[in-house]
Each structure stands twice: as structure tokens, then as C-alpha cells.
Amino acid sequence: MQAGPAALSVYALRLGPGEDILSTLVKFVKDRKLKSPFVMTCVGSISKATLRLANAIASNTNKIVHLNERFEIVSLVGTLNEAPHLHICLSDKDGKTIGGHVVSDLIVFTTAEIVVGECDGLWFSREMDGSTGFPELVISSCSKTA
């Protein structure tokens, strides 16, 4: 499924110590009534995260890890519609990385500099996909869903 091309709007945020990245982004999107938001880039650090590791299927969502140490954010990407789908890559004090699907508790340690984009004229939603067993991204023209 695809749509576009679309014009792009860009927003920038800087979060401080103790703020939760996921809940802040959800509120940001809701308050601005963004219809097709996504994370363009993010750098910073976190002190806590809950991630689902790779290889999940609908009947077994695989391993959930609870991280309670300081990490640098190497990458944060994904869509931010009503059911955000974010993946993160984190680097520890030794430069070793871990990544996965953001479940919750993405708590800022020093800062998080985030750039959010929105595809003007598009609408992101999620619908259950029988072939994957997960709610998957549906991309529509705003004129069709308005």
C-alpha cells in the first residue's frame, strides 16, 4: 500500500530529564491533530526503556526487556498515528547496542532532540492484518477520510 507524493511539515521538540518520550509524542500529535506523523530523527539519552525484541508473531510477541541504565539514542524511527509504531536503537557505556519495538517507559536521561514530520494530505491509521496478526499501517488520502 502506498500514497503520495505529499508535502512535508516539520516540527522540532527538545525533551528534558525525566520526560517520557512516547507519551510526550502521543500528546504532541493529539494536541496538534496531526494526521500522518512520523519521527524523522532523534538523538539524546535515556535512563529507562521497555522494548520488545525481534522475531515477534501474533501468538508469541517474544521477549520484553526492561532496561534501567543510561543509554545513548542511536536511532528512533516510526509512525505516530493513534497506535504509535516506534523502533529504537540504543548504545550502552561500552558502545554495545540493543534495539527493538518501543513498548513503554522511554525516559529521558539528559535530553532528547526529536524532529517530527507530517505528510500533508495523507492520513495514517491502523487495521488488523490477517496475514501478520498485527494492526498494520493503512495510508489514505485525507480527501478520502475527511
N, C-alpha and C. Protein backbone atom coordinates (compact mmCIF):
# COMPACT_ATOMS: atom_id res chain seq x y z
N MET A 1 0.85 -1.17 0.00
CA MET A 1 0.00 0.00 0.00
C MET A 1 0.89 1.23 0.00
N GLN A 2 0.57 2.19 -0.85
CA GLN A 2 1.35 3.42 -0.89
C GLN A 2 0.48 4.58 -1.29
N ALA A 3 0.95 5.77 -0.99
CA ALA A 3 0.26 7.01 -1.38
C ALA A 3 1.33 8.09 -1.49
N GLY A 4 1.00 9.16 -2.17
CA GLY A 4 1.94 10.26 -2.30
C GLY A 4 2.16 10.59 -3.75
N PRO A 5 3.00 11.53 -4.06
CA PRO A 5 3.83 12.29 -3.13
C PRO A 5 3.01 13.24 -2.28
N ALA A 6 3.63 13.70 -1.20
CA ALA A 6 2.95 14.61 -0.28
C ALA A 6 3.93 15.68 0.17
N ALA A 7 3.39 16.86 0.43
CA ALA A 7 4.20 17.94 1.02
C ALA A 7 4.55 17.55 2.45
N LEU A 8 5.55 18.19 3.00
CA LEU A 8 6.03 17.82 4.33
C LEU A 8 6.01 19.01 5.27
N SER A 9 5.46 18.79 6.46
CA SER A 9 5.55 19.75 7.55
C SER A 9 6.51 19.17 8.58
N VAL A 10 7.29 20.04 9.22
CA VAL A 10 8.30 19.57 10.16
C VAL A 10 8.14 20.30 11.50
N TYR A 11 8.25 19.54 12.59
CA TYR A 11 8.17 20.07 13.94
C TYR A 11 9.41 19.60 14.71
N ALA A 12 9.89 20.41 15.63
CA ALA A 12 11.04 20.02 16.44
C ALA A 12 10.69 20.14 17.92
N LEU A 13 11.17 19.18 18.70
CA LEU A 13 10.94 19.15 20.14
C LEU A 13 12.25 18.88 20.85
N ARG A 14 12.39 19.41 22.03
CA ARG A 14 13.51 19.04 22.91
C ARG A 14 12.92 18.69 24.26
N LEU A 15 13.15 17.45 24.69
CA LEU A 15 12.65 16.98 25.97
C LEU A 15 13.78 16.96 26.98
N GLY A 16 13.42 17.13 28.25
CA GLY A 16 14.40 17.20 29.32
C GLY A 16 14.38 15.98 30.22
N PRO A 17 15.26 15.97 31.22
CA PRO A 17 15.39 14.84 32.13
C PRO A 17 14.06 14.44 32.76
N GLY A 18 13.81 13.12 32.75
CA GLY A 18 12.62 12.56 33.38
C GLY A 18 11.39 12.51 32.51
N GLU A 19 11.40 13.20 31.36
CA GLU A 19 10.23 13.17 30.49
C GLU A 19 10.15 11.84 29.75
N ASP A 20 8.93 11.40 29.51
CA ASP A 20 8.71 10.15 28.77
C ASP A 20 8.52 10.48 27.29
N ILE A 21 9.41 9.97 26.45
CA ILE A 21 9.38 10.29 25.02
C ILE A 21 8.08 9.82 24.38
N LEU A 22 7.68 8.58 24.62
CA LEU A 22 6.49 8.03 23.97
C LEU A 22 5.23 8.82 24.32
N SER A 23 4.97 9.03 25.60
CA SER A 23 3.74 9.73 25.99
C SER A 23 3.77 11.19 25.54
N THR A 24 4.95 11.81 25.54
CA THR A 24 5.06 13.19 25.07
C THR A 24 4.75 13.28 23.58
N LEU A 25 5.27 12.34 22.80
CA LEU A 25 4.99 12.35 21.36
C LEU A 25 3.51 12.09 21.07
N VAL A 26 2.90 11.17 21.80
CA VAL A 26 1.47 10.88 21.62
C VAL A 26 0.65 12.14 21.91
N LYS A 27 0.97 12.84 23.00
CA LYS A 27 0.25 14.07 23.35
C LYS A 27 0.50 15.15 22.30
N PHE A 28 1.73 15.30 21.85
CA PHE A 28 2.08 16.29 20.83
C PHE A 28 1.24 16.08 19.57
N VAL A 29 1.16 14.86 19.11
CA VAL A 29 0.39 14.52 17.90
C VAL A 29 -1.10 14.80 18.11
N LYS A 30 -1.61 14.40 19.26
CA LYS A 30 -3.04 14.59 19.56
C LYS A 30 -3.38 16.08 19.66
N ASP A 31 -2.57 16.84 20.38
CA ASP A 31 -2.83 18.27 20.57
C ASP A 31 -2.83 19.04 19.25
N ARG A 32 -1.98 18.62 18.32
CA ARG A 32 -1.87 19.31 17.02
C ARG A 32 -2.73 18.67 15.94
N LYS A 33 -3.43 17.59 16.30
CA LYS A 33 -4.31 16.88 15.36
C LYS A 33 -3.57 16.48 14.08
N LEU A 34 -2.34 15.97 14.25
CA LEU A 34 -1.56 15.53 13.11
C LEU A 34 -2.16 14.25 12.55
N LYS A 35 -2.21 14.14 11.23
CA LYS A 35 -2.87 13.01 10.59
C LYS A 35 -1.90 11.95 10.06
N SER A 36 -0.65 12.31 9.80
CA SER A 36 0.32 11.35 9.27
C SER A 36 1.72 11.62 9.84
N PRO A 37 1.83 11.64 11.16
CA PRO A 37 3.11 11.98 11.78
C PRO A 37 4.08 10.81 11.84
N PHE A 38 5.37 11.16 11.80
CA PHE A 38 6.41 10.15 11.92
C PHE A 38 7.65 10.80 12.50
N VAL A 39 8.52 10.00 13.11
CA VAL A 39 9.77 10.51 13.66
C VAL A 39 10.79 10.53 12.53
N MET A 40 11.35 11.70 12.28
CA MET A 40 12.39 11.85 11.26
C MET A 40 13.76 11.54 11.84
N THR A 41 14.02 12.05 13.04
CA THR A 41 15.30 11.81 13.69
C THR A 41 15.15 12.08 15.19
N CYS A 42 16.04 11.47 15.95
CA CYS A 42 16.07 11.69 17.39
C CYS A 42 17.46 11.35 17.89
N VAL A 43 18.03 12.24 18.68
CA VAL A 43 19.28 11.97 19.40
C VAL A 43 19.07 12.38 20.85
N GLY A 44 19.86 11.78 21.73
CA GLY A 44 19.77 12.11 23.14
C GLY A 44 20.14 10.91 23.97
N SER A 45 19.60 10.86 25.17
CA SER A 45 19.91 9.75 26.06
C SER A 45 18.69 9.40 26.89
N ILE A 46 18.65 8.14 27.33
CA ILE A 46 17.55 7.67 28.17
C ILE A 46 18.13 6.94 29.39
N SER A 47 17.30 6.84 30.42
CA SER A 47 17.69 6.11 31.63
C SER A 47 16.82 4.89 31.87
N LYS A 48 15.77 4.75 31.06
CA LYS A 48 14.85 3.63 31.24
C LYS A 48 14.11 3.41 29.93
N ALA A 49 13.87 2.12 29.60
CA ALA A 49 13.12 1.79 28.39
C ALA A 49 12.52 0.39 28.53
N THR A 50 11.38 0.18 27.91
CA THR A 50 10.80 -1.15 27.79
C THR A 50 10.64 -1.43 26.32
N LEU A 51 11.29 -2.51 25.85
CA LEU A 51 11.32 -2.85 24.43
C LEU A 51 10.87 -4.28 24.20
N ARG A 52 10.28 -4.52 23.04
CA ARG A 52 10.00 -5.87 22.57
C ARG A 52 11.06 -6.19 21.54
N LEU A 53 11.74 -7.30 21.71
CA LEU A 53 12.81 -7.67 20.79
C LEU A 53 12.24 -8.32 19.53
N ALA A 54 13.10 -8.54 18.56
CA ALA A 54 12.70 -9.03 17.24
C ALA A 54 12.12 -10.44 17.28
N ASN A 55 11.53 -10.82 16.16
CA ASN A 55 11.01 -12.16 15.91
C ASN A 55 9.63 -12.39 16.51
N ALA A 56 8.87 -11.33 16.74
CA ALA A 56 7.54 -11.47 17.30
C ALA A 56 6.55 -11.94 16.24
N ILE A 57 5.62 -12.76 16.68
CA ILE A 57 4.46 -13.14 15.87
C ILE A 57 3.24 -12.93 16.74
N ALA A 58 2.07 -12.93 16.14
CA ALA A 58 0.85 -12.61 16.88
C ALA A 58 0.63 -13.54 18.08
N SER A 59 0.95 -14.82 17.94
CA SER A 59 0.72 -15.77 19.02
C SER A 59 1.84 -15.76 20.07
N ASN A 60 2.97 -15.13 19.74
CA ASN A 60 4.09 -15.04 20.66
C ASN A 60 4.81 -13.71 20.40
N THR A 61 4.53 -12.72 21.22
CA THR A 61 5.11 -11.40 20.98
C THR A 61 6.56 -11.31 21.43
N ASN A 62 7.16 -12.45 21.76
CA ASN A 62 8.58 -12.57 22.01
C ASN A 62 8.99 -11.87 23.30
N LYS A 63 10.26 -11.69 23.45
CA LYS A 63 10.85 -11.22 24.70
C LYS A 63 10.67 -9.72 24.90
N ILE A 64 10.21 -9.36 26.07
CA ILE A 64 10.14 -7.96 26.50
C ILE A 64 11.31 -7.73 27.45
N VAL A 65 12.06 -6.64 27.21
CA VAL A 65 13.18 -6.31 28.10
C VAL A 65 12.91 -4.97 28.77
N HIS A 66 13.25 -4.89 30.04
CA HIS A 66 13.12 -3.67 30.82
C HIS A 66 14.54 -3.18 31.11
N LEU A 67 14.89 -2.06 30.51
CA LEU A 67 16.24 -1.51 30.65
C LEU A 67 16.21 -0.39 31.67
N ASN A 68 17.08 -0.46 32.65
CA ASN A 68 17.17 0.56 33.70
C ASN A 68 18.61 1.01 33.86
N GLU A 69 19.17 1.53 32.79
CA GLU A 69 20.52 2.09 32.82
C GLU A 69 20.58 3.18 31.75
N ARG A 70 21.68 3.89 31.73
CA ARG A 70 21.82 5.01 30.79
C ARG A 70 22.27 4.51 29.41
N PHE A 71 21.57 5.00 28.39
CA PHE A 71 21.88 4.67 27.01
C PHE A 71 21.85 5.93 26.16
N GLU A 72 22.67 5.96 25.12
CA GLU A 72 22.57 6.99 24.08
C GLU A 72 21.54 6.50 23.07
N ILE A 73 20.73 7.41 22.56
CA ILE A 73 19.79 7.08 21.49
C ILE A 73 20.56 7.17 20.18
N VAL A 74 20.74 6.04 19.53
CA VAL A 74 21.42 5.99 18.25
C VAL A 74 20.42 6.28 17.12
N SER A 75 19.21 5.79 17.30
CA SER A 75 18.16 5.98 16.29
C SER A 75 16.80 5.77 16.93
N LEU A 76 15.82 6.54 16.49
CA LEU A 76 14.42 6.34 16.85
C LEU A 76 13.62 6.66 15.60
N VAL A 77 12.87 5.69 15.11
CA VAL A 77 12.11 5.86 13.88
C VAL A 77 10.73 5.22 14.03
N GLY A 78 9.79 5.69 13.21
CA GLY A 78 8.48 5.06 13.18
C GLY A 78 7.36 6.04 12.96
N THR A 79 6.16 5.51 12.94
CA THR A 79 4.95 6.31 12.74
C THR A 79 4.30 6.59 14.08
N LEU A 80 3.56 7.72 14.12
CA LEU A 80 2.99 8.20 15.39
C LEU A 80 1.48 8.39 15.32
N ASN A 81 0.79 7.60 14.50
CA ASN A 81 -0.66 7.74 14.45
C ASN A 81 -1.27 7.24 15.76
N GLU A 82 -2.57 6.95 15.78
CA GLU A 82 -3.23 6.65 17.06
C GLU A 82 -2.64 5.44 17.78
N ALA A 83 -1.94 4.57 17.09
CA ALA A 83 -1.22 3.46 17.71
C ALA A 83 0.23 3.56 17.25
N PRO A 84 1.06 4.34 17.96
CA PRO A 84 2.42 4.57 17.51
C PRO A 84 3.20 3.26 17.29
N HIS A 85 4.02 3.25 16.27
CA HIS A 85 4.87 2.10 15.97
C HIS A 85 6.29 2.62 15.84
N LEU A 86 7.02 2.54 16.95
CA LEU A 86 8.38 3.09 17.02
C LEU A 86 9.40 1.99 17.29
N HIS A 87 10.54 2.10 16.63
CA HIS A 87 11.68 1.23 16.89
C HIS A 87 12.84 2.11 17.30
N ILE A 88 13.64 1.60 18.24
CA ILE A 88 14.76 2.37 18.77
C ILE A 88 16.02 1.52 18.78
N CYS A 89 17.15 2.17 18.61
CA CYS A 89 18.45 1.55 18.78
C CYS A 89 19.19 2.36 19.83
N LEU A 90 19.69 1.67 20.84
CA LEU A 90 20.36 2.30 21.97
C LEU A 90 21.78 1.77 22.10
N SER A 91 22.69 2.63 22.59
CA SER A 91 24.08 2.26 22.79
C SER A 91 24.43 2.44 24.27
N ASP A 92 25.05 1.40 24.86
CA ASP A 92 25.41 1.49 26.28
C ASP A 92 26.78 2.14 26.46
N LYS A 93 27.27 2.17 27.69
CA LYS A 93 28.53 2.84 28.03
C LYS A 93 29.73 2.24 27.31
N ASP A 94 29.61 1.01 26.84
CA ASP A 94 30.69 0.34 26.12
C ASP A 94 30.50 0.39 24.60
N GLY A 95 29.44 1.05 24.16
CA GLY A 95 29.16 1.14 22.73
C GLY A 95 28.39 -0.04 22.18
N LYS A 96 28.00 -0.97 23.02
CA LYS A 96 27.19 -2.11 22.57
C LYS A 96 25.75 -1.63 22.37
N THR A 97 25.10 -2.16 21.34
CA THR A 97 23.76 -1.70 21.02
C THR A 97 22.70 -2.75 21.29
N ILE A 98 21.51 -2.25 21.54
CA ILE A 98 20.31 -3.07 21.64
C ILE A 98 19.21 -2.27 20.96
N GLY A 99 18.33 -2.97 20.30
CA GLY A 99 17.23 -2.27 19.64
C GLY A 99 15.98 -3.11 19.66
N GLY A 100 14.86 -2.45 19.44
CA GLY A 100 13.60 -3.16 19.38
C GLY A 100 12.43 -2.21 19.26
N HIS A 101 11.25 -2.79 19.39
CA HIS A 101 9.98 -2.07 19.32
C HIS A 101 9.74 -1.39 20.67
N VAL A 102 9.48 -0.09 20.66
CA VAL A 102 9.22 0.65 21.90
C VAL A 102 7.86 0.23 22.45
N VAL A 103 7.88 -0.30 23.67
CA VAL A 103 6.63 -0.69 24.35
C VAL A 103 6.17 0.42 25.27
N SER A 104 7.09 0.91 26.12
CA SER A 104 6.76 1.98 27.07
C SER A 104 8.03 2.45 27.77
N ASP A 105 7.84 3.34 28.73
CA ASP A 105 8.92 3.78 29.63
C ASP A 105 10.18 4.21 28.90
N LEU A 106 10.06 5.14 27.99
CA LEU A 106 11.23 5.68 27.30
C LEU A 106 11.56 7.01 27.97
N ILE A 107 12.30 6.94 29.07
CA ILE A 107 12.53 8.08 29.96
C ILE A 107 13.84 8.78 29.63
N VAL A 108 13.78 10.09 29.40
CA VAL A 108 14.94 10.89 29.04
C VAL A 108 15.91 10.98 30.22
N PHE A 109 17.21 10.80 29.93
CA PHE A 109 18.25 10.99 30.94
C PHE A 109 18.72 12.45 30.93
N THR A 110 19.33 12.92 29.86
CA THR A 110 19.76 14.32 29.79
C THR A 110 18.92 15.14 28.83
N THR A 111 18.72 14.64 27.62
CA THR A 111 17.94 15.36 26.61
C THR A 111 17.47 14.40 25.54
N ALA A 112 16.46 14.80 24.81
CA ALA A 112 16.04 14.10 23.59
C ALA A 112 15.64 15.19 22.61
N GLU A 113 16.38 15.24 21.51
CA GLU A 113 16.10 16.20 20.44
C GLU A 113 15.40 15.43 19.32
N ILE A 114 14.15 15.78 19.07
CA ILE A 114 13.32 14.99 18.17
C ILE A 114 12.77 15.87 17.06
N VAL A 115 12.85 15.39 15.84
CA VAL A 115 12.23 16.06 14.71
C VAL A 115 11.11 15.16 14.20
N VAL A 116 9.90 15.73 14.17
CA VAL A 116 8.70 15.01 13.72
C VAL A 116 8.27 15.58 12.39
N GLY A 117 7.95 14.71 11.46
CA GLY A 117 7.43 15.14 10.17
C GLY A 117 5.98 14.74 10.02
N GLU A 118 5.28 15.43 9.14
CA GLU A 118 3.91 15.05 8.80
C GLU A 118 3.75 15.19 7.29
N CYS A 119 3.19 14.14 6.69
CA CYS A 119 2.93 14.13 5.24
C CYS A 119 1.59 14.81 5.00
N ASP A 120 1.62 16.06 4.57
CA ASP A 120 0.39 16.81 4.36
C ASP A 120 -0.46 16.12 3.28
N GLY A 121 -1.74 15.97 3.55
CA GLY A 121 -2.65 15.36 2.60
C GLY A 121 -2.81 13.85 2.76
N LEU A 122 -2.06 13.27 3.70
CA LEU A 122 -2.18 11.83 3.94
C LEU A 122 -2.72 11.59 5.35
N TRP A 123 -3.28 10.41 5.53
CA TRP A 123 -3.84 10.01 6.82
C TRP A 123 -3.29 8.63 7.14
N PHE A 124 -2.64 8.47 8.32
CA PHE A 124 -2.16 7.18 8.78
C PHE A 124 -3.16 6.61 9.77
N SER A 125 -3.52 5.36 9.60
CA SER A 125 -4.35 4.65 10.56
C SER A 125 -3.83 3.22 10.66
N ARG A 126 -4.45 2.41 11.48
CA ARG A 126 -4.04 1.01 11.63
C ARG A 126 -5.26 0.12 11.55
N GLU A 127 -5.08 -1.00 10.87
CA GLU A 127 -6.13 -2.03 10.78
C GLU A 127 -5.49 -3.38 10.97
N MET A 128 -6.25 -4.28 11.59
CA MET A 128 -5.76 -5.64 11.80
C MET A 128 -5.49 -6.28 10.44
N ASP A 129 -4.34 -6.89 10.32
CA ASP A 129 -3.94 -7.57 9.09
C ASP A 129 -3.93 -9.07 9.38
N GLY A 130 -4.81 -9.79 8.72
CA GLY A 130 -4.93 -11.23 8.94
C GLY A 130 -3.68 -12.00 8.60
N SER A 131 -2.88 -11.50 7.68
CA SER A 131 -1.67 -12.23 7.30
C SER A 131 -0.54 -12.09 8.31
N THR A 132 -0.54 -11.00 9.09
CA THR A 132 0.51 -10.82 10.10
C THR A 132 0.01 -11.02 11.53
N GLY A 133 -1.29 -10.81 11.73
CA GLY A 133 -1.85 -10.90 13.07
C GLY A 133 -1.66 -9.65 13.90
N PHE A 134 -1.20 -8.58 13.26
CA PHE A 134 -0.96 -7.32 13.96
C PHE A 134 -1.73 -6.19 13.28
N PRO A 135 -2.05 -5.11 14.04
CA PRO A 135 -2.61 -3.92 13.39
C PRO A 135 -1.50 -3.27 12.55
N GLU A 136 -1.72 -3.17 11.26
CA GLU A 136 -0.70 -2.65 10.35
C GLU A 136 -1.11 -1.29 9.80
N LEU A 137 -0.12 -0.54 9.32
CA LEU A 137 -0.32 0.80 8.81
C LEU A 137 -1.21 0.80 7.57
N VAL A 138 -2.18 1.71 7.56
CA VAL A 138 -3.02 1.98 6.39
C VAL A 138 -2.80 3.44 6.02
N ILE A 139 -2.47 3.69 4.76
CA ILE A 139 -2.18 5.03 4.29
C ILE A 139 -3.31 5.47 3.36
N SER A 140 -3.93 6.60 3.68
CA SER A 140 -5.05 7.09 2.89
C SER A 140 -4.84 8.56 2.54
N SER A 141 -5.55 9.01 1.53
CA SER A 141 -5.59 10.42 1.22
C SER A 141 -6.58 11.07 2.18
N CYS A 142 -6.25 12.25 2.71
CA CYS A 142 -7.16 12.93 3.62
C CYS A 142 -8.50 13.20 2.98
N SER A 143 -8.52 13.45 1.67
CA SER A 143 -9.78 13.73 0.99
C SER A 143 -10.72 12.53 1.03
N LYS A 144 -10.16 11.30 1.16
CA LYS A 144 -10.97 10.10 1.22
C LYS A 144 -11.48 9.83 2.62
N THR A 145 -10.77 10.33 3.66
CA THR A 145 -11.14 10.01 5.03
C THR A 145 -11.75 11.18 5.77
N ALA A 146 -11.78 12.34 5.15
CA ALA A 146 -12.28 13.53 5.85
C ALA A 146 -13.77 13.50 6.00
